[in-house]
Protein backbone atom coordinates (compact mmCIF):
# COMPACT_ATOMS: atom_id res chain seq x y z
CA MET A 1 -5.99 -21.85 6.65
CA PHE A 2 -4.62 -18.37 6.02
CA ASN A 3 -4.59 -16.14 9.08
CA PRO A 4 -4.36 -12.48 7.99
CA PHE A 5 -3.37 -11.52 11.52
CA ALA A 6 -0.42 -13.85 11.98
CA LYS A 7 2.43 -12.14 13.80
CA LYS A 8 5.55 -11.10 11.94
CA SER A 9 8.53 -9.39 13.45
CA GLU A 10 9.61 -5.78 12.81
CA PRO A 11 12.90 -4.15 13.67
CA ALA A 12 12.89 -2.19 16.91
CA THR A 13 14.27 0.96 15.28
CA PRO A 14 13.85 2.30 11.78
CA ALA A 15 16.71 2.13 9.34
CA GLN A 16 18.65 5.30 8.72
CA PRO A 17 17.48 7.07 5.57
CA GLU A 18 19.91 6.91 2.69
CA PRO A 19 20.29 10.14 0.73
CA THR A 20 20.02 9.67 -3.00
CA SER A 21 20.17 11.84 -6.08
CA LEU A 22 18.28 9.34 -8.22
CA SER A 23 14.94 10.36 -9.68
CA TRP A 24 11.79 8.72 -8.36
CA ALA A 25 11.31 6.90 -11.67
CA GLN A 26 14.81 5.39 -11.37
CA ARG A 27 14.30 4.48 -7.70
CA LEU A 28 11.02 2.83 -8.64
CA LYS A 29 12.78 0.82 -11.33
CA ASN A 30 15.54 -0.10 -8.89
CA GLY A 31 12.98 -1.09 -6.27
CA LEU A 32 11.17 -3.32 -8.72
CA ALA A 33 14.39 -4.76 -10.14
CA LYS A 34 13.84 -8.27 -8.79
CA THR A 35 10.28 -8.29 -10.01
CA ARG A 36 11.29 -6.91 -13.40
CA GLN A 37 14.13 -9.41 -13.79
CA GLN A 38 11.74 -12.28 -13.24
CA LEU A 39 8.74 -10.90 -15.08
CA GLY A 40 10.63 -8.90 -17.70
CA GLY A 41 12.93 -11.76 -18.56
CA GLN A 42 10.02 -14.06 -19.24
CA LEU A 43 8.13 -11.38 -21.16
CA SER A 44 11.17 -10.50 -23.27
CA ALA A 45 11.38 -14.10 -24.42
CA LEU A 46 7.64 -14.18 -25.01
CA PHE A 47 7.49 -10.87 -26.88
CA GLY A 48 10.63 -11.32 -28.95
CA GLY A 49 8.73 -11.67 -32.21
CA GLY A 50 6.58 -14.27 -33.87
CA LYS A 51 2.93 -15.01 -34.36
CA ILE A 52 0.33 -14.47 -31.64
CA ASP A 53 -1.27 -17.85 -30.98
CA GLU A 54 -2.79 -19.88 -28.16
CA ASP A 55 0.62 -21.03 -26.95
CA ILE A 56 1.55 -17.38 -26.38
CA TYR A 57 -1.59 -16.76 -24.35
CA GLU A 58 -0.95 -19.89 -22.28
CA GLU A 59 2.62 -18.82 -21.54
CA LEU A 60 1.44 -15.34 -20.61
CA GLU A 61 -1.19 -16.82 -18.30
CA THR A 62 1.51 -18.78 -16.46
CA ILE A 63 3.71 -15.69 -16.13
CA LEU A 64 0.86 -13.61 -14.69
CA LEU A 65 -0.18 -16.31 -12.23
CA THR A 66 3.38 -16.77 -10.95
CA SER A 67 3.66 -12.99 -10.55
CA ASP A 68 0.85 -12.99 -7.93
CA VAL A 69 -1.76 -11.46 -10.23
CA GLY A 70 -4.25 -14.11 -9.13
CA VAL A 71 -6.61 -16.31 -11.11
CA SER A 72 -9.53 -13.90 -11.47
CA ALA A 73 -7.42 -10.87 -12.43
CA THR A 74 -5.35 -12.99 -14.83
CA GLN A 75 -8.49 -14.18 -16.63
CA HIS A 76 -9.72 -10.59 -16.84
CA LEU A 77 -6.41 -9.33 -18.26
CA LEU A 78 -6.26 -12.09 -20.85
CA GLU A 79 -9.83 -11.44 -21.96
CA GLN A 80 -9.13 -7.74 -22.32
CA LEU A 81 -5.86 -8.44 -24.12
CA ARG A 82 -7.51 -10.81 -26.59
CA SER A 83 -10.13 -8.15 -27.29
CA ARG A 84 -7.44 -5.51 -27.87
CA VAL A 85 -5.49 -7.81 -30.20
CA LYS A 86 -8.61 -8.51 -32.24
CA LYS A 87 -9.73 -4.87 -32.32
CA HIS A 88 -6.35 -3.60 -33.56
CA ASP A 89 -5.61 -6.69 -35.68
CA LEU A 90 -2.28 -7.29 -33.97
CA GLN A 91 -0.27 -10.08 -35.54
CA ASP A 92 3.17 -9.99 -33.92
CA THR A 93 4.16 -10.60 -30.29
CA ILE A 94 6.29 -7.43 -30.31
CA ALA A 95 3.05 -5.45 -30.54
CA LEU A 96 1.52 -7.68 -27.89
CA LYS A 97 3.89 -6.27 -25.25
CA GLN A 98 2.55 -2.73 -25.65
CA ALA A 99 -0.97 -4.11 -25.75
CA LEU A 100 -0.33 -5.78 -22.38
CA LYS A 101 0.97 -2.52 -20.91
CA ASP A 102 -2.10 -0.68 -22.20
CA THR A 103 -4.38 -3.35 -20.76
CA LEU A 104 -2.63 -3.13 -17.38
CA LEU A 105 -2.91 0.66 -17.50
CA ASP A 106 -6.69 0.41 -18.01
CA LEU A 107 -6.90 -1.90 -14.98
CA LEU A 108 -4.60 0.01 -12.62
CA THR A 109 -5.44 3.65 -13.43
CA PRO A 110 -8.61 3.67 -11.26
CA LEU A 111 -6.37 2.89 -8.24
CA GLN A 112 -4.52 6.16 -8.82
CA VAL A 113 -6.37 8.51 -6.47
CA PRO A 114 -4.08 10.77 -4.40
CA LEU A 115 -4.70 11.48 -0.74
CA GLU A 116 -6.19 14.93 -0.08
CA VAL A 117 -5.89 16.30 3.46
CA LYS A 118 -7.11 19.85 2.87
CA ASP A 119 -10.80 19.59 3.81
CA HIS A 120 -10.40 19.06 7.57
CA GLN A 121 -8.26 20.43 10.39
CA PRO A 122 -7.06 18.26 11.82
CA PHE A 123 -7.28 15.63 9.13
CA VAL A 124 -7.21 12.36 11.05
CA MET A 125 -5.64 9.28 9.50
CA MET A 126 -6.08 5.90 11.13
CA MET A 127 -3.32 3.46 10.17
CA VAL A 128 -4.14 -0.25 10.19
CA GLY A 129 -2.40 -3.46 9.12
CA VAL A 130 -0.86 -6.65 10.41
CA ASN A 131 2.46 -6.68 12.24
CA GLY A 132 5.33 -6.87 9.80
CA ALA A 133 3.59 -5.05 6.96
CA GLY A 134 5.73 -1.96 7.46
CA LYS A 135 3.04 0.15 9.11
CA THR A 136 5.27 1.97 11.59
CA THR A 137 7.92 2.75 8.98
CA THR A 138 5.19 3.95 6.61
CA ILE A 139 3.94 6.36 9.29
CA GLY A 140 7.39 7.91 9.57
CA LYS A 141 7.73 8.28 5.82
CA LEU A 142 4.19 9.61 5.53
CA ALA A 143 4.91 12.27 8.16
CA LYS A 144 7.91 13.39 6.12
CA TYR A 145 5.85 13.43 2.92
CA LEU A 146 3.13 15.58 4.50
CA GLN A 147 5.68 17.97 5.98
CA ALA A 148 7.13 18.47 2.51
CA GLN A 149 3.66 19.67 1.50
CA GLY A 150 3.76 22.26 4.27
CA LYS A 151 1.50 20.36 6.67
CA SER A 152 2.03 20.17 10.42
CA VAL A 153 1.81 16.60 11.71
CA LEU A 154 1.17 14.89 15.04
CA ILE A 155 1.65 11.14 15.54
CA ALA A 156 -0.40 9.10 18.00
CA ALA A 157 1.40 5.91 19.09
CA GLY A 158 -1.78 3.89 19.51
CA ASP A 159 -0.13 0.47 19.37
CA THR A 160 0.25 0.28 23.14
CA PHE A 161 0.62 -3.50 22.98
CA ARG A 162 4.02 -3.43 21.30
CA ALA A 163 6.75 -1.39 22.92
CA ALA A 164 8.90 -1.49 19.78
CA ALA A 165 6.17 0.33 17.86
CA ARG A 166 6.25 3.25 20.31
CA GLU A 167 10.04 3.36 20.21
CA GLN A 168 10.08 3.35 16.42
CA LEU A 169 7.57 6.17 16.20
CA GLN A 170 9.47 8.25 18.73
CA VAL A 171 12.63 7.86 16.64
CA TRP A 172 10.72 8.87 13.52
CA GLY A 173 9.23 11.81 15.41
CA GLU A 174 12.63 13.04 16.51
CA ARG A 175 14.01 12.60 13.02
CA ASN A 176 11.17 14.58 11.42
CA ASP A 177 10.69 17.05 14.28
CA VAL A 178 7.16 15.72 14.80
CA HIS A 179 5.51 15.48 18.22
CA VAL A 180 4.53 11.92 19.20
CA ILE A 181 1.89 11.26 21.84
CA ALA A 182 2.51 7.90 23.48
CA SER A 183 1.80 5.94 26.64
CA GLU A 184 3.76 3.01 28.01
CA SER A 185 0.57 1.34 29.09
CA GLY A 186 -3.15 1.84 28.93
CA ASP A 187 -5.97 2.05 26.43
CA PRO A 188 -4.84 2.75 22.84
CA ALA A 189 -8.13 4.51 22.16
CA ALA A 190 -7.41 6.90 25.04
CA VAL A 191 -3.97 7.72 23.60
CA ILE A 192 -5.46 8.55 20.22
CA TYR A 193 -8.33 10.51 21.80
CA ASP A 194 -5.78 12.68 23.61
CA ALA A 195 -3.82 13.13 20.39
CA VAL A 196 -6.85 14.33 18.43
CA ASN A 197 -7.78 16.81 21.15
CA SER A 198 -4.19 18.03 21.34
CA ALA A 199 -4.14 18.52 17.57
CA MET A 200 -7.35 20.54 17.68
CA ALA A 201 -5.99 22.76 20.46
CA ARG A 202 -2.69 23.30 18.65
CA LYS A 203 -4.29 23.65 15.18
CA ILE A 204 -2.25 20.77 13.78
CA ASP A 205 -3.06 19.90 10.16
CA VAL A 206 -2.79 16.09 10.24
CA VAL A 207 -2.99 13.42 12.94
CA ILE A 208 -1.54 10.02 12.04
CA ALA A 209 -2.87 7.42 14.48
CA ASP A 210 -1.09 4.07 14.74
CA THR A 211 -3.12 1.04 15.84
CA ALA A 212 -2.25 -2.44 17.07
CA GLY A 213 -1.32 -4.88 14.34
CA ARG A 214 -2.05 -7.99 16.35
CA LEU A 215 -3.97 -9.20 19.39
CA PRO A 216 -4.30 -12.85 20.45
CA THR A 217 -7.38 -13.44 18.30
CA GLN A 218 -8.86 -11.87 15.23
CA LEU A 219 -12.10 -11.02 17.02
CA HIS A 220 -10.38 -9.13 19.83
CA LEU A 221 -8.18 -7.29 17.33
CA MET A 222 -11.08 -6.03 15.27
CA ASP A 223 -13.11 -5.14 18.36
CA GLU A 224 -10.20 -3.05 19.63
CA ILE A 225 -9.70 -1.28 16.31
CA LYS A 226 -13.44 -0.63 15.98
CA LYS A 227 -13.35 0.93 19.45
CA VAL A 228 -10.51 3.20 18.36
CA GLN A 229 -12.55 4.20 15.31
CA ARG A 230 -15.56 5.08 17.50
CA VAL A 231 -13.45 7.05 19.97
CA ILE A 232 -11.87 9.10 17.19
CA ASP A 233 -15.36 9.99 15.99
CA LYS A 234 -16.31 11.10 19.53
CA ALA A 235 -13.23 13.30 19.74
CA LEU A 236 -13.88 14.79 16.29
CA PRO A 237 -17.23 13.96 14.66
CA GLY A 238 -16.74 12.60 11.17
CA ALA A 239 -13.21 11.40 11.84
CA PRO A 240 -11.19 9.39 10.98
CA HIS A 241 -11.16 10.94 7.54
CA GLU A 242 -8.86 8.26 6.14
CA ILE A 243 -8.42 4.63 7.16
CA LEU A 244 -5.17 3.63 5.48
CA LEU A 245 -4.40 -0.07 5.30
CA VAL A 246 -0.71 -0.94 4.95
CA LEU A 247 -0.07 -4.10 2.93
CA ASP A 248 3.20 -5.95 2.42
CA ALA A 249 3.51 -6.69 -1.30
CA ASN A 250 5.61 -9.75 -0.49
CA THR A 251 2.58 -11.54 0.93
CA GLY A 252 1.04 -11.86 -2.53
CA GLN A 253 -2.58 -12.98 -2.55
CA ASN A 254 -2.64 -12.90 1.27
CA ALA A 255 -2.63 -9.11 0.91
CA VAL A 256 -5.97 -9.40 -0.87
CA ASN A 257 -7.35 -11.46 2.02
CA GLN A 258 -6.14 -8.85 4.51
CA LEU A 259 -7.82 -6.12 2.47
CA LYS A 260 -11.12 -7.99 2.53
CA ALA A 261 -10.94 -8.58 6.30
CA PHE A 262 -10.01 -5.04 7.30
CA ASN A 263 -12.44 -3.46 4.86
CA GLU A 264 -15.33 -5.55 6.16
CA ALA A 265 -14.56 -4.51 9.72
CA LEU A 266 -13.62 -0.85 9.26
CA GLY A 267 -14.39 0.44 5.80
CA VAL A 268 -10.88 1.00 4.43
CA THR A 269 -10.51 4.19 2.37
CA GLY A 270 -6.98 3.80 1.03
CA LEU A 271 -3.98 1.50 0.72
CA ALA A 272 -0.24 1.80 1.10
CA LEU A 273 1.61 -1.02 -0.64
CA THR A 274 5.05 -1.53 0.91
CA LYS A 275 8.25 -3.54 0.42
CA LEU A 276 8.17 -3.53 -3.36
CA ASP A 277 11.97 -3.50 -3.13
CA GLY A 278 12.10 -7.05 -1.81
CA THR A 279 11.03 -10.31 -3.41
CA ALA A 280 7.60 -8.91 -4.22
CA LYS A 281 6.31 -10.01 -7.57
CA GLY A 282 4.27 -6.84 -7.94
CA GLY A 283 1.29 -8.54 -9.53
CA VAL A 284 -0.82 -8.32 -6.39
CA ILE A 285 -1.65 -4.74 -7.31
CA ALA A 286 -3.51 -6.08 -10.35
CA ALA A 287 -5.44 -8.45 -8.09
CA ILE A 288 -6.41 -5.51 -5.88
CA ALA A 289 -7.51 -3.49 -8.91
CA HIS A 290 -9.66 -6.36 -10.16
CA LEU A 291 -11.20 -6.78 -6.70
CA ASN A 292 -12.15 -3.10 -6.85
CA GLN A 293 -13.88 -3.65 -10.16
CA GLN A 294 -16.02 -6.39 -8.63
CA SER A 295 -16.74 -4.57 -5.37
CA ALA A 296 -19.04 -1.72 -4.45
CA SER A 297 -16.24 -0.13 -2.42
CA LYS A 298 -13.47 1.32 -4.57
CA ILE A 299 -10.29 1.46 -2.49
CA PRO A 300 -7.40 3.33 -4.13
CA VAL A 301 -3.70 2.74 -3.65
CA ARG A 302 -2.61 6.03 -2.09
CA PHE A 303 1.09 5.21 -1.73
CA ILE A 304 3.71 2.67 -2.66
CA GLY A 305 7.01 2.10 -0.87
CA VAL A 306 10.07 0.83 -2.72
CA GLY A 307 12.96 1.19 -0.28
CA GLU A 308 14.31 2.11 3.14
CA SER A 309 14.99 5.77 2.37
CA ILE A 310 12.66 8.23 4.06
CA ASP A 311 11.74 9.53 0.59
CA ASP A 312 10.82 6.09 -0.75
CA LEU A 313 7.10 6.48 -0.15
CA ARG A 314 5.29 8.18 -3.01
CA PRO A 315 1.78 8.47 -4.43
CA PHE A 316 0.89 5.59 -6.71
CA ASP A 317 1.17 6.37 -10.42
CA ALA A 318 -0.10 3.58 -12.67
CA HIS A 319 1.90 4.64 -15.73
CA ASP A 320 5.19 4.93 -13.83
CA PHE A 321 4.56 1.61 -12.08
CA ILE A 322 3.93 -0.29 -15.30
CA ASP A 323 6.92 1.30 -17.03
CA ALA A 324 9.12 0.30 -14.09
CA LEU A 325 7.71 -3.22 -14.07
CA ILE A 326 7.90 -3.92 -17.80
CA ASP A 327 10.95 -2.55 -19.59
CA ASP A 328 10.59 -1.21 -23.12
């Protein structure tokens, strides 16, 4: 049985950022290169010309399923694609490629809701996710992103159960000139409570609160994170203003299971999809979008990460993502 809280290792210190002059669109394409080579190669053969028939739809179904789109989202995409083909009387598979991109755009665009931190001071973000998802690295990149917008940032090292997490955050803090509140032992909720109060006293714009990615059992983990959530609200009524779940795109459909578990426990308000530069097939984002369609809670993808550079965390843009995934 899948355990969304299984432990995965993370490096003790973050990788050094690599300066680059490439545009974000090019870095996104580079990050999705492995995905595009697999998916794009199959699609190029499929969309090379010829009549649209049932064999084409069956081949496309296989490609989508092996790209981690998932059964339900794949069925939805194929239904929408068939409808588009019929509506526009498409006859050739060359036209089918653009029709697929348009269908994906319809599905993914609702996920494209940027994070706004202007309505509260401090704006408190609670970061959650399993160990190994890239949560700590995402916090460092997120701090840099917010600083570039002119925001002052304070980081709360609330994962007091994993020393490496505190060390990583302290390195990120030094690198970005961001103060990190940490404790070598003790209650993670107390660390974050102190951080929120410190931010209020110092008029800091954004607090990014790390939380434990793993405890011995799922029940204890969620109880601990719920406690942190309650303590944040006591420190600043109405906070946290954002509960950002970090998901590793390489875990495929397991990422969907993690989303369901964390959302049920905490009420997730946004997602950061990481490690799209690895062996990720990228299709899981379609599965997440389809889950949103079926659910009362609409959880946007705030950010995607496509590399180790400190600038490789950007707001999700559905059009750019699809263009990077499926070459013209």
